[in-house]
N, C-alpha and C. Protein backbone atom coordinates (compact mmCIF):
# COMPACT_ATOMS: atom_id res chain seq x y z
N UNK A 1 -43.19 -4.86 206.79
CA UNK A 1 -41.98 -5.58 206.44
C UNK A 1 -40.78 -4.71 206.78
N UNK A 2 -39.84 -5.26 207.51
CA UNK A 2 -38.64 -4.51 207.92
C UNK A 2 -37.66 -4.40 206.76
N UNK A 3 -37.01 -3.27 206.72
CA UNK A 3 -36.00 -3.05 205.67
C UNK A 3 -34.78 -3.91 205.95
N UNK A 4 -34.27 -4.52 204.92
CA UNK A 4 -33.07 -5.33 205.08
C UNK A 4 -31.85 -4.43 205.07
N UNK A 5 -30.97 -4.68 206.00
CA UNK A 5 -29.75 -3.88 206.12
C UNK A 5 -28.60 -4.67 205.53
N UNK A 6 -27.87 -4.04 204.65
CA UNK A 6 -26.72 -4.68 204.02
C UNK A 6 -25.51 -4.53 204.94
N UNK A 7 -24.83 -5.64 205.30
CA UNK A 7 -23.67 -5.53 206.18
C UNK A 7 -22.52 -4.80 205.48
N UNK A 8 -21.77 -4.00 206.26
CA UNK A 8 -20.64 -3.31 205.66
C UNK A 8 -19.42 -4.25 205.64
N UNK A 9 -18.37 -3.81 205.00
CA UNK A 9 -17.20 -4.67 204.83
C UNK A 9 -16.51 -4.97 206.16
N UNK A 10 -16.60 -4.06 207.14
CA UNK A 10 -16.01 -4.33 208.45
C UNK A 10 -16.71 -5.49 209.14
N UNK A 11 -18.05 -5.51 209.04
CA UNK A 11 -18.80 -6.59 209.66
C UNK A 11 -18.49 -7.92 208.99
N UNK A 12 -18.43 -7.91 207.67
CA UNK A 12 -18.14 -9.14 206.94
C UNK A 12 -16.73 -9.62 207.27
N UNK A 13 -15.77 -8.70 207.25
CA UNK A 13 -14.38 -9.05 207.55
C UNK A 13 -14.23 -9.55 208.97
N UNK A 14 -14.92 -8.90 209.91
CA UNK A 14 -14.87 -9.34 211.30
C UNK A 14 -15.47 -10.72 211.47
N UNK A 15 -16.59 -10.96 210.78
CA UNK A 15 -17.21 -12.28 210.84
C UNK A 15 -16.32 -13.36 210.25
N UNK A 16 -15.67 -13.04 209.14
CA UNK A 16 -14.75 -14.01 208.53
C UNK A 16 -13.55 -14.28 209.43
N UNK A 17 -13.00 -13.22 210.03
CA UNK A 17 -11.86 -13.38 210.93
C UNK A 17 -12.25 -14.25 212.12
N UNK A 18 -13.43 -13.98 212.69
CA UNK A 18 -13.88 -14.76 213.84
C UNK A 18 -14.15 -16.21 213.48
N UNK A 19 -14.83 -16.42 212.35
CA UNK A 19 -15.14 -17.79 211.94
C UNK A 19 -13.87 -18.57 211.62
N UNK A 20 -12.95 -17.94 210.93
CA UNK A 20 -11.69 -18.60 210.58
C UNK A 20 -10.88 -18.91 211.83
N UNK A 21 -10.81 -17.94 212.75
CA UNK A 21 -10.06 -18.16 213.98
C UNK A 21 -10.68 -19.24 214.84
N UNK A 22 -12.00 -19.20 214.97
CA UNK A 22 -12.69 -20.22 215.76
C UNK A 22 -12.55 -21.61 215.17
N UNK A 23 -12.67 -21.71 213.86
CA UNK A 23 -12.51 -23.00 213.18
C UNK A 23 -11.09 -23.51 213.33
N UNK A 24 -10.13 -22.63 213.19
CA UNK A 24 -8.72 -23.02 213.36
C UNK A 24 -8.47 -23.50 214.78
N UNK A 25 -9.08 -22.82 215.75
CA UNK A 25 -8.92 -23.21 217.15
C UNK A 25 -9.52 -24.60 217.39
N UNK A 26 -10.67 -24.87 216.78
CA UNK A 26 -11.27 -26.20 216.91
C UNK A 26 -10.42 -27.27 216.25
N UNK A 27 -9.81 -26.93 215.11
CA UNK A 27 -8.91 -27.89 214.45
C UNK A 27 -7.71 -28.18 215.34
N UNK A 28 -7.20 -27.16 216.01
CA UNK A 28 -6.10 -27.35 216.96
C UNK A 28 -6.55 -28.22 218.13
N UNK A 29 -7.77 -28.00 218.61
CA UNK A 29 -8.30 -28.79 219.72
C UNK A 29 -8.45 -30.26 219.34
N UNK A 30 -8.71 -30.52 218.07
CA UNK A 30 -8.88 -31.91 217.61
C UNK A 30 -7.58 -32.70 217.72
N UNK A 31 -6.46 -32.03 217.85
CA UNK A 31 -5.17 -32.72 217.98
C UNK A 31 -5.00 -33.37 219.36
N UNK A 32 -5.75 -32.88 220.35
CA UNK A 32 -5.67 -33.47 221.69
C UNK A 32 -6.43 -34.79 221.71
N UNK A 33 -5.99 -35.74 222.53
CA UNK A 33 -6.69 -37.04 222.61
C UNK A 33 -8.10 -36.86 223.20
N UNK A 34 -9.01 -37.76 222.80
CA UNK A 34 -10.37 -37.72 223.33
C UNK A 34 -10.34 -37.86 224.85
N UNK A 35 -11.19 -37.13 225.52
CA UNK A 35 -11.26 -37.19 226.97
C UNK A 35 -10.25 -36.27 227.66
N UNK A 36 -9.40 -35.64 226.89
CA UNK A 36 -8.41 -34.75 227.47
C UNK A 36 -9.11 -33.49 227.98
N UNK A 37 -8.74 -33.03 229.18
CA UNK A 37 -9.37 -31.80 229.69
C UNK A 37 -9.05 -30.59 228.80
N UNK A 38 -7.88 -30.58 228.17
CA UNK A 38 -7.53 -29.47 227.28
C UNK A 38 -8.45 -29.43 226.07
N UNK A 39 -8.82 -30.61 225.57
CA UNK A 39 -9.71 -30.65 224.40
C UNK A 39 -11.09 -30.12 224.78
N UNK A 40 -11.57 -30.53 225.94
CA UNK A 40 -12.88 -30.08 226.39
C UNK A 40 -12.90 -28.56 226.61
N UNK A 41 -11.85 -28.05 227.22
CA UNK A 41 -11.76 -26.60 227.45
C UNK A 41 -11.69 -25.86 226.12
N UNK A 42 -10.90 -26.36 225.19
CA UNK A 42 -10.75 -25.72 223.88
C UNK A 42 -12.08 -25.69 223.14
N UNK A 43 -12.82 -26.79 223.20
CA UNK A 43 -14.13 -26.84 222.54
C UNK A 43 -15.12 -25.89 223.21
N UNK A 44 -15.00 -25.74 224.50
CA UNK A 44 -15.89 -24.84 225.23
C UNK A 44 -15.57 -23.37 224.93
N UNK A 45 -14.30 -23.06 224.77
CA UNK A 45 -13.84 -21.68 224.57
C UNK A 45 -13.99 -21.22 223.12
N UNK A 46 -14.05 -22.13 222.17
CA UNK A 46 -14.05 -21.79 220.74
C UNK A 46 -15.13 -20.76 220.35
N UNK A 47 -16.38 -20.92 220.76
CA UNK A 47 -17.38 -19.91 220.36
C UNK A 47 -17.06 -18.50 220.89
N UNK A 48 -16.59 -18.43 222.13
CA UNK A 48 -16.23 -17.14 222.71
C UNK A 48 -15.05 -16.54 221.95
N UNK A 49 -14.09 -17.38 221.63
CA UNK A 49 -12.92 -16.92 220.88
C UNK A 49 -13.35 -16.37 219.52
N UNK A 50 -14.31 -17.00 218.90
CA UNK A 50 -14.82 -16.54 217.61
C UNK A 50 -15.39 -15.13 217.71
N UNK A 51 -16.18 -14.90 218.74
CA UNK A 51 -16.78 -13.58 218.93
C UNK A 51 -15.70 -12.54 219.24
N UNK A 52 -14.76 -12.89 220.11
CA UNK A 52 -13.69 -11.95 220.48
C UNK A 52 -12.84 -11.61 219.26
N UNK A 53 -12.49 -12.60 218.45
CA UNK A 53 -11.70 -12.33 217.25
C UNK A 53 -12.46 -11.44 216.27
N UNK A 54 -13.74 -11.68 216.13
CA UNK A 54 -14.57 -10.87 215.24
C UNK A 54 -14.59 -9.41 215.69
N UNK A 55 -14.81 -9.19 216.96
CA UNK A 55 -14.84 -7.82 217.49
C UNK A 55 -13.46 -7.16 217.41
N UNK A 56 -12.42 -7.91 217.72
CA UNK A 56 -11.06 -7.36 217.66
C UNK A 56 -10.70 -6.97 216.23
N UNK A 57 -11.09 -7.79 215.27
CA UNK A 57 -10.80 -7.48 213.87
C UNK A 57 -11.49 -6.19 213.45
N UNK A 58 -12.77 -6.06 213.77
CA UNK A 58 -13.53 -4.86 213.39
C UNK A 58 -12.95 -3.62 214.06
N UNK A 59 -12.59 -3.72 215.34
CA UNK A 59 -12.02 -2.59 216.07
C UNK A 59 -10.68 -2.18 215.46
N UNK A 60 -9.82 -3.16 215.22
CA UNK A 60 -8.48 -2.88 214.66
C UNK A 60 -8.59 -2.28 213.28
N UNK A 61 -9.46 -2.82 212.46
CA UNK A 61 -9.62 -2.30 211.10
C UNK A 61 -10.11 -0.85 211.13
N UNK A 62 -11.04 -0.55 212.02
CA UNK A 62 -11.53 0.82 212.16
C UNK A 62 -10.41 1.76 212.58
N UNK A 63 -9.62 1.36 213.57
CA UNK A 63 -8.51 2.19 214.04
C UNK A 63 -7.49 2.43 212.93
N UNK A 64 -7.21 1.40 212.14
CA UNK A 64 -6.26 1.56 211.03
C UNK A 64 -6.80 2.52 209.97
N UNK A 65 -8.08 2.43 209.68
CA UNK A 65 -8.67 3.35 208.70
C UNK A 65 -8.57 4.79 209.18
N UNK A 66 -8.84 5.02 210.44
CA UNK A 66 -8.74 6.37 211.01
C UNK A 66 -7.29 6.84 210.97
N UNK A 67 -6.38 5.98 211.34
CA UNK A 67 -4.95 6.34 211.36
C UNK A 67 -4.48 6.76 209.96
N UNK A 68 -4.78 5.93 208.96
CA UNK A 68 -4.31 6.23 207.61
C UNK A 68 -5.03 7.44 207.01
N UNK A 69 -6.29 7.63 207.35
CA UNK A 69 -6.99 8.84 206.88
C UNK A 69 -6.35 10.09 207.48
N UNK A 70 -5.99 10.03 208.76
CA UNK A 70 -5.31 11.16 209.39
C UNK A 70 -3.96 11.44 208.72
N UNK A 71 -3.20 10.40 208.45
CA UNK A 71 -1.89 10.58 207.81
C UNK A 71 -2.05 11.18 206.42
N UNK A 72 -3.06 10.73 205.69
CA UNK A 72 -3.28 11.25 204.34
C UNK A 72 -3.69 12.72 204.39
N UNK A 73 -4.58 13.06 205.31
CA UNK A 73 -5.01 14.45 205.47
C UNK A 73 -3.82 15.34 205.86
N UNK A 74 -3.01 14.86 206.77
CA UNK A 74 -1.82 15.62 207.21
C UNK A 74 -0.85 15.82 206.04
N UNK A 75 -0.64 14.77 205.24
CA UNK A 75 0.28 14.88 204.10
C UNK A 75 -0.23 15.87 203.06
N UNK A 76 -1.52 15.84 202.78
CA UNK A 76 -2.08 16.76 201.79
C UNK A 76 -2.03 18.20 202.29
N UNK A 77 -2.29 18.40 203.57
CA UNK A 77 -2.19 19.74 204.14
C UNK A 77 -0.76 20.25 204.05
N UNK A 78 0.19 19.40 204.35
CA UNK A 78 1.60 19.80 204.28
C UNK A 78 2.00 20.17 202.85
N UNK A 79 1.55 19.39 201.87
CA UNK A 79 1.84 19.71 200.47
C UNK A 79 1.24 21.07 200.08
N UNK A 80 0.01 21.31 200.51
CA UNK A 80 -0.64 22.58 200.19
C UNK A 80 0.10 23.75 200.83
N UNK A 81 0.52 23.56 202.08
CA UNK A 81 1.26 24.63 202.76
C UNK A 81 2.60 24.90 202.07
N UNK A 82 3.29 23.85 201.66
CA UNK A 82 4.57 24.03 200.96
C UNK A 82 4.38 24.74 199.62
N UNK A 83 3.34 24.36 198.91
CA UNK A 83 3.06 25.01 197.62
C UNK A 83 2.72 26.48 197.83
N UNK A 84 1.97 26.75 198.88
CA UNK A 84 1.63 28.14 199.19
C UNK A 84 2.89 28.94 199.51
N UNK A 85 3.79 28.38 200.30
CA UNK A 85 5.03 29.08 200.66
C UNK A 85 5.87 29.39 199.42
N UNK A 86 5.93 28.44 198.49
CA UNK A 86 6.68 28.67 197.25
C UNK A 86 6.03 29.81 196.44
N UNK A 87 4.72 29.77 196.39
CA UNK A 87 4.00 30.76 195.59
C UNK A 87 4.12 32.16 196.18
N UNK A 88 4.06 32.28 197.50
CA UNK A 88 4.15 33.59 198.15
C UNK A 88 5.49 34.26 197.84
N UNK A 89 6.54 33.46 197.76
CA UNK A 89 7.87 34.06 197.52
C UNK A 89 8.13 34.34 196.04
N UNK A 90 7.20 33.97 195.17
CA UNK A 90 7.37 34.20 193.74
C UNK A 90 6.74 35.55 193.36
N UNK A 91 7.57 36.52 192.96
CA UNK A 91 7.01 37.84 192.64
C UNK A 91 6.19 37.85 191.35
N UNK A 92 6.29 36.82 190.54
CA UNK A 92 5.56 36.78 189.29
C UNK A 92 4.12 36.31 189.43
N UNK A 93 3.74 35.87 190.62
CA UNK A 93 2.37 35.38 190.83
C UNK A 93 1.51 36.53 191.35
N UNK A 94 0.33 36.64 190.80
CA UNK A 94 -0.59 37.73 191.17
C UNK A 94 -1.01 37.62 192.63
N UNK A 95 -1.24 38.75 193.26
CA UNK A 95 -1.66 38.78 194.66
C UNK A 95 -3.01 38.08 194.85
N UNK A 96 -3.87 38.18 193.86
CA UNK A 96 -5.18 37.52 193.94
C UNK A 96 -5.00 36.00 194.08
N UNK A 97 -4.06 35.45 193.32
CA UNK A 97 -3.77 34.01 193.40
C UNK A 97 -3.23 33.66 194.78
N UNK A 98 -2.32 34.47 195.28
CA UNK A 98 -1.75 34.22 196.60
C UNK A 98 -2.83 34.26 197.68
N UNK A 99 -3.73 35.23 197.58
CA UNK A 99 -4.81 35.34 198.56
C UNK A 99 -5.74 34.12 198.51
N UNK A 100 -6.04 33.69 197.29
CA UNK A 100 -6.90 32.51 197.12
C UNK A 100 -6.24 31.27 197.71
N UNK A 101 -4.95 31.13 197.46
CA UNK A 101 -4.22 29.97 198.00
C UNK A 101 -4.20 30.00 199.53
N UNK A 102 -4.02 31.18 200.09
CA UNK A 102 -4.02 31.31 201.54
C UNK A 102 -5.38 30.90 202.12
N UNK A 103 -6.45 31.32 201.49
CA UNK A 103 -7.80 30.95 201.94
C UNK A 103 -7.99 29.44 201.88
N UNK A 104 -7.50 28.81 200.80
CA UNK A 104 -7.67 27.37 200.64
C UNK A 104 -6.87 26.59 201.68
N UNK A 105 -5.65 27.04 201.97
CA UNK A 105 -4.83 26.37 202.99
C UNK A 105 -5.50 26.51 204.36
N UNK A 106 -6.02 27.69 204.65
CA UNK A 106 -6.74 27.90 205.91
C UNK A 106 -7.99 27.02 205.99
N UNK A 107 -8.65 26.84 204.85
CA UNK A 107 -9.83 25.96 204.82
C UNK A 107 -9.43 24.52 205.11
N UNK A 108 -8.28 24.09 204.58
CA UNK A 108 -7.80 22.73 204.87
C UNK A 108 -7.46 22.56 206.35
N UNK A 109 -6.85 23.58 206.94
CA UNK A 109 -6.55 23.52 208.38
C UNK A 109 -7.85 23.42 209.18
N UNK A 110 -8.83 24.19 208.79
CA UNK A 110 -10.13 24.16 209.46
C UNK A 110 -10.81 22.80 209.28
N UNK A 111 -10.71 22.23 208.10
CA UNK A 111 -11.26 20.90 207.85
C UNK A 111 -10.62 19.87 208.77
N UNK A 112 -9.31 19.93 208.87
CA UNK A 112 -8.59 19.00 209.76
C UNK A 112 -9.09 19.16 211.19
N UNK A 113 -9.25 20.39 211.64
CA UNK A 113 -9.76 20.66 212.98
C UNK A 113 -11.16 20.08 213.16
N UNK A 114 -12.03 20.27 212.16
CA UNK A 114 -13.40 19.75 212.24
C UNK A 114 -13.43 18.23 212.28
N UNK A 115 -12.56 17.59 211.55
CA UNK A 115 -12.50 16.13 211.58
C UNK A 115 -12.24 15.66 213.00
N UNK A 116 -11.28 16.28 213.66
CA UNK A 116 -10.94 15.88 215.03
C UNK A 116 -12.06 16.21 216.02
N UNK A 117 -12.63 17.39 215.91
CA UNK A 117 -13.70 17.75 216.85
C UNK A 117 -14.96 16.91 216.62
N UNK A 118 -15.23 16.55 215.37
CA UNK A 118 -16.39 15.68 215.09
C UNK A 118 -16.19 14.31 215.72
N UNK A 119 -14.96 13.81 215.69
CA UNK A 119 -14.68 12.51 216.32
C UNK A 119 -14.90 12.58 217.83
N UNK A 120 -14.44 13.67 218.43
CA UNK A 120 -14.63 13.83 219.88
C UNK A 120 -16.12 13.89 220.20
N UNK A 121 -16.90 14.62 219.42
CA UNK A 121 -18.34 14.69 219.65
C UNK A 121 -18.99 13.32 219.51
N UNK A 122 -18.53 12.53 218.54
CA UNK A 122 -19.07 11.19 218.35
C UNK A 122 -18.78 10.32 219.55
N UNK A 123 -17.57 10.43 220.08
CA UNK A 123 -17.20 9.63 221.26
C UNK A 123 -18.03 10.05 222.47
N UNK A 124 -18.18 11.36 222.67
CA UNK A 124 -18.92 11.86 223.82
C UNK A 124 -20.40 11.49 223.75
N UNK A 125 -20.95 11.52 222.55
CA UNK A 125 -22.37 11.23 222.37
C UNK A 125 -22.69 9.74 222.27
N UNK A 126 -21.69 8.90 222.26
CA UNK A 126 -21.93 7.45 222.10
C UNK A 126 -22.51 6.85 223.35
């Protein structure tokens, strides 16, 4: 017995976008008079349009998730760097704390680098 795979939200959203778009396109095609070549073409194109909309939705949603994740990572790194700069200039903070903060900021920079290189490896290996 094969294991059932649960669809992820991108697949469900893409399917809904495609089905809604295809159905809407067919409703638009119904406005043309019977026998009209435009109606026949629209009915013929509707299934393809459904698939294209589904794929476009999934692709766009993925790109948006990557974009916003990058922006969030960049913003958090910037906050950490600013906090570190404030702390370094404060003579009342122990050197051990400053060293720890520097290590953590460097770790965040390295994490950001790894995120990008992992994406490149994924693209190359696809």
